[in-house]
Amino acid sequence: MFRALFSRPELLAFFLMSVMFFICIHGFDAFMAPYMVRLGIEPQTIGMIMGASGLASLCIRFPLSVISDVMKNRKVFMQFALLLPVIAWPLAWMFPAALTFWLAKLACGIAAASWVLYNIIFIRYFRRDEAPAAVALLALAGPIGVFISNAICGAVALWFGDTHAFFVPAAAGCLALLLSLRIREGEDIHRAPHLKACVESAKRQLGDSTIWFIGLLATVVILVPFATRDTLTPIYAQQLGAKAGTLAVLSNIHLLFYGIAVAMCSSVFYKRLGLVNTALVGIGLQIISSIFMPFTSNLWLIYLWQGLAGFSFGMAFAVFMSLSVVNTTENEQTTRMGLFQTIYSCGMFFGPVLMGVLLQHVNLSAGYWVIGGLCLIAGLLTPLAAKRVQMRHMRRATENHEEVAERVS
């Protein structure tokens, strides 16, 4: 799988564009919450701002997946989505306030909603049986992109000031737009589904309990980094005396181990542990890192728990991303992936909002412990969700057999 990435120029260009995409939508996240604290913005408002991207994704992902199929051109939607943060971040630089920060995060959320289109186009470069591994491979663009953006934003913030780092995601968005000009969708537009077929596919996915089950568990898993890595942990580290450079390192440790875990999923964990056990180990490690973080006052130990949190998130989330396309026909992939990403966007929204409320009205430790409890529930339900996916495959096989029998008779 990795060899194909470097032996096929179109795959490498697409992967690099995906890396730029993640720099664009998550470029300043590691520094934004502490920066807003220094400006005197209330924790509850900070939570709302940090959750704005999740709110936008929640509302847009699924409709976008259906509309893009009808319009028969996913690339145009990807390019338009990239334009929004390119415009919004310079606006936040000119007028730094809660409203412009919220608009910038909202623009990033609208852009993030187009990630479903990236997945679908990338899957089409591979055979159908390689789809789960392809999803896991493309997911690696996330930690790589945010790792690079944290390093660049940290250096810019340290040398030139926090607000100048707003231009990093804007510049990455411009580079992604340039790379998108080289991307071909690799799909015969004459075979693309019409409106009626897309609506029927959307209805089938909305009525399929398996994707809702998997999506809700993924919501809990993705809630963890958005609530801790991007909200609680930077604020906690700043209280312990961390500066911009330390915050960049802290976030990059999470991303580094997240990327390692994602890379190992498609090549090691899936083969040796299987999907379910990989998810269970990941969720178990998420519980440990969440519960013990507030008991730590040493920055070196915080680095340790942050690395464990990143590795565990990579293991767990890659599994749910892969399960979303298992036993799925090619015609279902866009709407199913769109619905799945819409559901887990709830975690991207409610995670920071919930942590902001707990931080303002209870305390920081309560946020970490609530996260640990939610992960425990997700771990208990994961085997049942995987079983539902397998049962869906059996039901589809039975329905196809009955349809063939009816035609023969």
Protein backbone atom coordinates (compact mmCIF):
# COMPACT_ATOMS: atom_id res chain seq x y z
CA MET A 1 0.00 0.00 0.00
CA PHE A 2 2.80 2.43 0.91
CA ARG A 3 4.76 1.45 -2.20
CA ALA A 4 1.78 2.36 -4.38
CA LEU A 5 1.76 5.81 -2.81
CA PHE A 6 5.31 6.53 -4.00
CA SER A 7 5.16 4.61 -7.29
CA ARG A 8 2.01 6.30 -8.63
CA PRO A 9 2.34 10.10 -9.11
CA GLU A 10 -1.42 10.71 -8.98
CA LEU A 11 -1.64 9.04 -5.55
CA LEU A 12 1.28 11.05 -4.19
CA ALA A 13 -0.20 14.33 -5.47
CA PHE A 14 -3.54 13.48 -3.89
CA PHE A 15 -1.89 12.56 -0.59
CA LEU A 16 0.11 15.82 -0.55
CA MET A 17 -3.06 17.79 -1.24
CA SER A 18 -4.70 15.98 1.69
CA VAL A 19 -1.78 16.96 3.93
CA MET A 20 -2.21 20.62 2.90
CA PHE A 21 -5.93 20.25 3.55
CA PHE A 22 -5.30 19.27 7.17
CA ILE A 23 -2.80 22.08 7.67
CA CYS A 24 -5.50 24.43 6.39
CA ILE A 25 -8.33 23.26 8.66
CA HIS A 26 -6.36 22.50 11.84
CA GLY A 27 -3.33 24.79 11.51
CA PHE A 28 -3.83 26.98 14.59
CA ASP A 29 -5.87 24.61 16.79
CA ALA A 30 -3.06 23.81 19.26
CA PHE A 31 -2.61 27.50 20.12
CA MET A 32 -6.10 28.92 19.74
CA ALA A 33 -7.65 28.04 23.12
CA PRO A 34 -4.67 29.37 25.19
CA TYR A 35 -4.56 32.48 22.97
CA MET A 36 -8.24 33.18 23.60
CA VAL A 37 -7.70 32.67 27.35
CA ARG A 38 -5.02 35.36 27.24
CA LEU A 39 -7.48 37.67 25.46
CA GLY A 40 -9.91 37.20 28.35
CA ILE A 41 -12.58 35.22 26.48
CA GLU A 42 -14.70 33.06 28.81
CA PRO A 43 -14.09 29.27 28.78
CA GLN A 44 -17.69 28.55 27.75
CA THR A 45 -17.33 30.88 24.75
CA ILE A 46 -13.99 29.28 23.90
CA GLY A 47 -15.71 25.90 23.85
CA MET A 48 -18.35 27.24 21.44
CA ILE A 49 -15.67 28.67 19.15
CA MET A 50 -13.56 25.49 19.17
CA GLY A 51 -16.71 23.46 18.45
CA ALA A 52 -17.81 25.63 15.52
CA SER A 53 -15.94 23.48 13.00
CA GLY A 54 -17.72 20.38 14.26
CA LEU A 55 -21.09 22.15 14.05
CA ALA A 56 -20.49 23.12 10.43
CA SER A 57 -19.38 19.60 9.53
CA LEU A 58 -22.39 18.14 11.32
CA CYS A 59 -24.78 20.15 9.16
CA ILE A 60 -23.00 19.88 5.81
CA ARG A 61 -21.19 16.53 5.42
CA PHE A 62 -24.14 14.29 4.52
CA PRO A 63 -25.97 16.72 2.18
CA LEU A 64 -22.63 17.45 0.49
CA SER A 65 -22.01 13.75 -0.17
CA VAL A 66 -25.41 13.44 -1.88
CA ILE A 67 -25.24 16.71 -3.85
CA SER A 68 -21.71 16.03 -5.11
CA ASP A 69 -22.89 12.70 -6.53
CA VAL A 70 -25.78 14.41 -8.34
CA MET A 71 -23.57 17.19 -9.72
CA LYS A 72 -21.06 14.54 -10.89
CA ASN A 73 -18.09 16.68 -9.85
CA ARG A 74 -16.59 16.26 -6.39
CA LYS A 75 -13.45 18.27 -7.11
CA VAL A 76 -15.33 21.56 -7.53
CA PHE A 77 -16.84 21.20 -4.06
CA MET A 78 -13.43 20.40 -2.59
CA GLN A 79 -11.94 23.54 -4.17
CA PHE A 80 -14.76 25.81 -3.05
CA ALA A 81 -14.50 24.48 0.52
CA LEU A 82 -10.77 25.24 0.60
CA LEU A 83 -11.40 28.88 -0.38
CA LEU A 84 -13.35 29.62 2.82
CA PRO A 85 -10.53 29.26 5.40
CA VAL A 86 -8.15 30.93 2.94
CA ILE A 87 -10.37 34.02 3.28
CA ALA A 88 -11.40 33.63 6.94
CA TRP A 89 -7.97 33.39 8.61
CA PRO A 90 -6.62 36.68 7.22
CA LEU A 91 -9.91 38.25 8.35
CA ALA A 92 -9.26 36.95 11.89
CA TRP A 93 -5.76 38.45 11.67
CA MET A 94 -7.14 41.88 10.78
CA PHE A 95 -9.92 41.81 13.42
CA PRO A 96 -8.92 39.43 16.26
CA ALA A 97 -12.09 38.88 18.31
CA ALA A 98 -14.44 36.08 19.38
CA LEU A 99 -16.68 36.61 16.31
CA THR A 100 -13.90 36.40 13.71
CA PHE A 101 -12.38 33.39 15.49
CA TRP A 102 -15.79 31.70 15.37
CA LEU A 103 -16.14 32.51 11.67
CA ALA A 104 -12.66 31.12 10.97
CA LYS A 105 -13.44 27.87 12.78
CA LEU A 106 -16.81 27.70 11.01
CA ALA A 107 -15.04 28.07 7.66
CA CYS A 108 -12.64 25.28 8.65
CA GLY A 109 -15.63 23.11 9.54
CA ILE A 110 -17.24 23.66 6.16
CA ALA A 111 -13.93 22.75 4.53
CA ALA A 112 -13.60 19.71 6.81
CA ALA A 113 -17.01 18.52 5.60
CA SER A 114 -15.48 17.92 2.18
CA TRP A 115 -13.16 15.24 3.63
CA VAL A 116 -15.75 12.63 2.68
CA LEU A 117 -15.07 13.49 -0.97
CA TYR A 118 -11.32 12.99 -0.49
CA ASN A 119 -11.94 9.52 0.91
CA ILE A 120 -14.24 8.47 -1.91
CA ILE A 121 -11.91 9.67 -4.68
CA PHE A 122 -8.90 8.02 -3.02
CA ILE A 123 -10.73 4.69 -2.61
CA ARG A 124 -11.43 4.62 -6.35
CA TYR A 125 -7.68 4.41 -7.05
CA PHE A 126 -7.65 0.92 -5.46
CA ARG A 127 -9.43 -2.40 -5.79
CA ARG A 128 -12.64 -2.84 -3.82
CA ASP A 129 -11.07 -5.32 -1.38
CA GLU A 130 -8.36 -2.74 -0.61
CA ALA A 131 -10.85 -0.06 0.48
CA PRO A 132 -10.41 -0.45 4.29
CA ALA A 133 -6.61 -0.26 3.99
CA ALA A 134 -6.89 2.71 1.59
CA VAL A 135 -9.05 4.59 4.11
CA ALA A 136 -6.49 3.93 6.84
CA LEU A 137 -3.66 5.07 4.55
CA LEU A 138 -5.34 8.36 3.65
CA ALA A 139 -6.13 8.94 7.33
CA LEU A 140 -2.36 9.24 7.80
CA ALA A 141 -2.51 12.60 6.01
CA GLY A 142 -4.28 14.01 9.07
CA PRO A 143 -1.55 13.62 11.70
CA ILE A 144 1.18 14.45 9.18
CA GLY A 145 -0.55 17.68 8.15
CA VAL A 146 -1.35 18.85 11.66
CA PHE A 147 2.15 17.86 12.85
CA ILE A 148 3.70 20.09 10.18
CA SER A 149 1.28 22.94 10.88
CA ASN A 150 1.96 22.82 14.62
CA ALA A 151 5.70 23.05 14.01
CA ILE A 152 5.36 25.97 11.59
CA CYS A 153 2.69 27.81 13.61
CA GLY A 154 4.71 27.34 16.81
CA ALA A 155 7.80 28.86 15.21
CA VAL A 156 5.83 31.75 13.67
CA ALA A 157 3.99 32.45 16.94
CA LEU A 158 7.25 32.38 18.89
CA TRP A 159 9.19 34.68 16.55
CA PHE A 160 6.52 36.99 15.10
CA GLY A 161 3.48 36.72 17.41
CA ASP A 162 0.38 34.55 17.62
CA THR A 163 -1.77 36.35 15.07
CA HIS A 164 0.83 36.02 12.30
CA ALA A 165 0.40 32.24 12.51
CA PHE A 166 -3.10 32.73 11.09
CA PHE A 167 -1.48 32.95 7.66
CA VAL A 168 -0.14 29.38 7.87
CA PRO A 169 -3.52 27.64 7.30
CA ALA A 170 -4.39 30.23 4.64
CA ALA A 171 -1.17 29.52 2.73
CA ALA A 172 -1.71 25.75 3.03
CA GLY A 173 -5.19 26.16 1.58
CA CYS A 174 -3.72 27.96 -1.42
CA LEU A 175 -1.21 25.14 -1.98
CA ALA A 176 -3.98 22.56 -1.72
CA LEU A 177 -5.96 24.44 -4.36
CA LEU A 178 -2.96 24.36 -6.71
CA LEU A 179 -2.47 20.63 -6.19
CA SER A 180 -6.17 20.00 -6.78
CA LEU A 181 -5.71 21.11 -10.39
CA ARG A 182 -3.71 17.90 -10.98
CA ILE A 183 -6.34 15.60 -9.47
CA ARG A 184 -8.62 13.49 -11.63
CA GLU A 185 -11.62 11.80 -10.11
CA GLY A 186 -11.06 8.62 -12.09
CA GLU A 187 -14.75 7.96 -12.55
CA ASP A 188 -16.87 7.78 -15.68
CA ILE A 189 -19.30 10.67 -15.27
CA HIS A 190 -21.80 8.97 -17.57
CA ARG A 191 -22.15 6.20 -15.00
CA ALA A 192 -22.58 8.61 -12.08
CA PRO A 193 -25.95 8.26 -10.33
CA HIS A 194 -28.86 10.61 -10.99
CA LEU A 195 -30.83 12.51 -8.34
CA LYS A 196 -33.42 9.77 -7.80
CA ALA A 197 -30.74 7.11 -7.30
CA CYS A 198 -28.83 9.35 -4.87
CA VAL A 199 -31.97 10.08 -2.85
CA GLU A 200 -32.81 6.37 -2.69
CA SER A 201 -29.25 5.60 -1.58
CA ALA A 202 -29.46 8.30 1.08
CA LYS A 203 -32.73 6.84 2.38
CA ARG A 204 -31.19 3.37 2.60
CA GLN A 205 -28.22 4.65 4.57
CA LEU A 206 -30.38 6.74 6.90
CA GLY A 207 -32.43 3.62 7.65
CA ASP A 208 -29.37 1.40 8.20
CA SER A 209 -28.79 1.02 11.94
CA THR A 210 -25.25 -0.30 11.48
CA ILE A 211 -23.83 3.01 10.22
CA TRP A 212 -25.56 4.88 13.05
CA PHE A 213 -24.12 2.47 15.60
CA ILE A 214 -20.58 2.74 14.22
CA GLY A 215 -20.91 6.50 13.83
CA LEU A 216 -22.03 7.03 17.43
CA LEU A 217 -19.08 5.04 18.75
CA ALA A 218 -16.75 7.02 16.47
CA THR A 219 -18.33 10.18 17.93
CA VAL A 220 -17.09 9.21 21.39
CA VAL A 221 -13.64 8.27 20.09
CA ILE A 222 -13.13 11.52 18.14
CA LEU A 223 -14.58 13.58 20.98
CA VAL A 224 -11.47 12.75 23.03
CA PRO A 225 -8.78 14.65 21.04
CA PHE A 226 -11.06 17.61 20.31
CA ALA A 227 -11.96 17.89 23.99
CA THR A 228 -8.48 17.22 25.40
CA ARG A 229 -5.70 17.80 22.86
CA ASP A 230 -7.31 20.95 21.39
CA THR A 231 -9.12 22.35 24.45
CA LEU A 232 -8.28 21.06 27.93
CA THR A 233 -4.65 19.99 27.60
CA PRO A 234 -3.29 23.26 26.08
CA ILE A 235 -5.07 25.26 28.79
CA TYR A 236 -3.77 22.92 31.50
CA ALA A 237 -0.23 23.06 30.12
CA GLN A 238 -0.37 26.86 29.97
CA GLN A 239 -1.39 26.92 33.63
CA LEU A 240 1.79 24.93 34.34
CA GLY A 241 3.88 27.54 32.51
CA ALA A 242 3.98 26.18 28.94
CA LYS A 243 4.73 28.66 26.11
CA ALA A 244 3.97 28.52 22.36
CA GLY A 245 6.89 26.20 21.57
CA THR A 246 5.90 23.78 24.33
CA LEU A 247 2.27 23.75 23.16
CA ALA A 248 3.44 22.94 19.62
CA VAL A 249 5.57 20.04 20.89
CA LEU A 250 2.71 18.81 23.07
CA SER A 251 0.26 18.71 20.18
CA ASN A 252 2.83 17.17 17.83
CA ILE A 253 3.55 14.34 20.26
CA HIS A 254 -0.14 13.45 20.08
CA LEU A 255 -0.09 13.63 16.28
CA LEU A 256 3.18 11.73 15.91
CA PHE A 257 1.90 8.75 17.85
CA TYR A 258 -1.51 9.04 16.20
CA GLY A 259 0.19 8.79 12.79
CA ILE A 260 2.29 5.81 13.91
CA ALA A 261 -0.82 4.01 15.12
CA VAL A 262 -2.75 4.69 11.89
CA ALA A 263 0.18 3.47 9.79
CA MET A 264 0.42 0.30 11.89
CA CYS A 265 -3.32 -0.38 11.63
CA SER A 266 -3.31 -1.20 7.92
CA SER A 267 0.02 -3.07 8.00
CA VAL A 268 0.20 -4.69 11.46
CA PHE A 269 -2.75 -4.37 13.84
CA TYR A 270 -5.51 -5.40 11.42
CA LYS A 271 -3.61 -8.55 10.44
CA ARG A 272 -2.52 -9.63 13.93
CA LEU A 273 -5.29 -8.34 16.19
CA GLY A 274 -8.24 -7.93 13.86
CA LEU A 275 -10.50 -4.88 13.66
CA VAL A 276 -12.39 -5.40 16.92
CA ASN A 277 -9.38 -6.10 19.14
CA THR A 278 -7.51 -3.15 17.61
CA ALA A 279 -10.39 -0.86 18.55
CA LEU A 280 -10.69 -2.31 22.05
CA VAL A 281 -7.00 -1.85 22.79
CA GLY A 282 -7.15 1.71 21.46
CA ILE A 283 -10.22 2.65 23.51
CA GLY A 284 -8.70 1.07 26.63
CA LEU A 285 -5.58 3.20 26.24
CA GLN A 286 -7.77 6.29 25.71
CA ILE A 287 -9.41 5.63 29.08
CA ILE A 288 -6.03 5.35 30.82
CA SER A 289 -4.60 8.54 29.26
CA SER A 290 -7.75 10.55 30.06
CA ILE A 291 -8.09 9.48 33.68
CA PHE A 292 -4.45 9.99 34.65
CA MET A 293 -3.78 13.29 32.83
CA PRO A 294 -5.24 15.61 35.56
CA PHE A 295 -3.17 13.84 38.24
CA THR A 296 0.00 14.95 36.45
CA SER A 297 1.71 18.27 37.16
CA ASN A 298 5.03 17.46 35.48
CA LEU A 299 5.26 18.50 31.82
CA TRP A 300 7.37 15.45 30.95
CA LEU A 301 4.63 13.15 32.26
CA ILE A 302 2.05 15.17 30.35
CA TYR A 303 4.10 14.47 27.21
CA LEU A 304 3.91 10.76 28.05
CA TRP A 305 0.13 10.73 28.49
CA GLN A 306 -0.28 12.89 25.40
CA GLY A 307 1.69 10.39 23.31
CA LEU A 308 -0.43 7.54 24.66
CA ALA A 309 -3.60 9.50 23.90
CA GLY A 310 -2.50 10.02 20.29
CA PHE A 311 -1.55 6.37 19.76
CA SER A 312 -4.81 5.12 21.27
CA PHE A 313 -6.91 7.52 19.20
CA GLY A 314 -5.17 6.38 16.02
CA MET A 315 -5.89 2.72 16.77
CA ALA A 316 -9.54 3.22 17.66
CA PHE A 317 -10.57 5.77 15.05
CA ALA A 318 -8.91 4.01 12.12
CA VAL A 319 -11.00 0.92 12.92
CA PHE A 320 -14.29 2.81 12.82
CA MET A 321 -13.28 4.55 9.59
CA SER A 322 -12.56 1.14 8.07
CA LEU A 323 -15.77 -0.41 9.39
CA SER A 324 -17.78 2.34 7.71
CA VAL A 325 -16.86 1.01 4.24
CA VAL A 326 -16.75 -2.72 5.05
CA ASN A 327 -19.45 -4.72 3.19
CA THR A 328 -20.42 -1.63 1.21
CA THR A 329 -21.00 -1.48 -2.55
CA GLU A 330 -19.30 1.18 -4.67
CA ASN A 331 -22.61 3.00 -5.22
CA GLU A 332 -23.15 3.25 -1.45
CA GLN A 333 -19.71 4.52 -0.52
CA THR A 334 -20.21 8.27 -0.93
CA THR A 335 -23.52 8.58 0.93
CA ARG A 336 -22.49 6.05 3.58
CA MET A 337 -19.16 7.76 4.25
CA GLY A 338 -20.92 11.12 4.26
CA LEU A 339 -23.45 9.95 6.85
CA PHE A 340 -20.72 8.36 8.96
CA GLN A 341 -18.66 11.54 8.99
CA THR A 342 -21.76 13.60 9.74
CA ILE A 343 -22.51 11.48 12.80
CA TYR A 344 -19.01 11.60 14.25
CA SER A 345 -18.90 15.36 13.67
CA CYS A 346 -21.12 15.55 16.77
CA GLY A 347 -18.04 14.66 18.80
CA MET A 348 -16.03 17.44 17.15
CA PHE A 349 -18.73 19.92 18.20
CA PHE A 350 -19.91 18.68 21.59
CA GLY A 351 -16.42 17.75 22.85
CA PRO A 352 -15.05 21.31 23.09
CA VAL A 353 -18.44 22.72 24.11
CA LEU A 354 -18.84 20.19 26.94
CA MET A 355 -15.29 20.80 28.13
CA GLY A 356 -15.84 24.57 28.08
CA VAL A 357 -18.94 24.22 30.28
CA LEU A 358 -17.20 21.84 32.71
CA LEU A 359 -14.12 24.07 32.84
CA GLN A 360 -16.19 27.15 33.67
CA HIS A 361 -18.69 25.58 36.09
CA VAL A 362 -16.88 22.56 37.61
CA ASN A 363 -13.13 22.07 37.09
CA LEU A 364 -10.56 20.80 34.61
CA SER A 365 -10.27 17.33 36.14
CA ALA A 366 -13.99 16.68 35.70
CA GLY A 367 -13.61 17.06 31.93
CA TYR A 368 -10.96 14.35 31.73
CA TRP A 369 -12.97 11.97 33.91
CA VAL A 370 -16.15 12.45 31.87
CA ILE A 371 -14.11 11.59 28.76
CA GLY A 372 -12.83 8.40 30.43
CA GLY A 373 -16.38 7.32 31.31
CA LEU A 374 -17.65 7.85 27.77
CA CYS A 375 -14.74 5.82 26.37
CA LEU A 376 -15.57 2.95 28.72
CA ILE A 377 -19.13 2.81 27.36
CA ALA A 378 -17.81 2.91 23.76
CA GLY A 379 -15.42 0.03 24.48
CA LEU A 380 -18.22 -2.14 25.84
CA LEU A 381 -20.36 -1.56 22.73
CA THR A 382 -17.65 -1.95 20.06
CA PRO A 383 -17.87 -5.79 19.65
CA LEU A 384 -21.63 -5.50 19.15
CA ALA A 385 -21.15 -2.83 16.48
CA ALA A 386 -18.68 -5.01 14.55
CA LYS A 387 -21.10 -7.93 14.75
CA ARG A 388 -23.85 -5.74 13.29
CA VAL A 389 -21.59 -4.93 10.31
CA GLN A 390 -21.04 -8.64 9.66
CA MET A 391 -24.78 -9.35 9.96
CA ARG A 392 -25.40 -6.60 7.40
CA HIS A 393 -23.16 -8.51 4.97
CA MET A 394 -25.15 -11.69 5.56
CA ARG A 395 -28.46 -9.90 5.05
CA ARG A 396 -27.22 -8.37 1.79
CA ALA A 397 -26.08 -11.79 0.56
CA THR A 398 -29.49 -13.29 1.41
CA GLU A 399 -31.34 -10.45 -0.35
CA ASN A 400 -29.19 -10.81 -3.48
CA HIS A 401 -29.77 -14.58 -3.53
CA GLU A 402 -33.53 -14.11 -3.24
CA GLU A 403 -33.49 -11.50 -6.02
CA VAL A 404 -31.61 -13.86 -8.34
CA ALA A 405 -34.02 -16.70 -7.50
CA GLU A 406 -37.01 -14.51 -8.34
CA ARG A 407 -35.49 -13.58 -11.73
CA VAL A 408 -34.80 -17.24 -12.55
CA SER A 409 -38.34 -18.30 -11.65
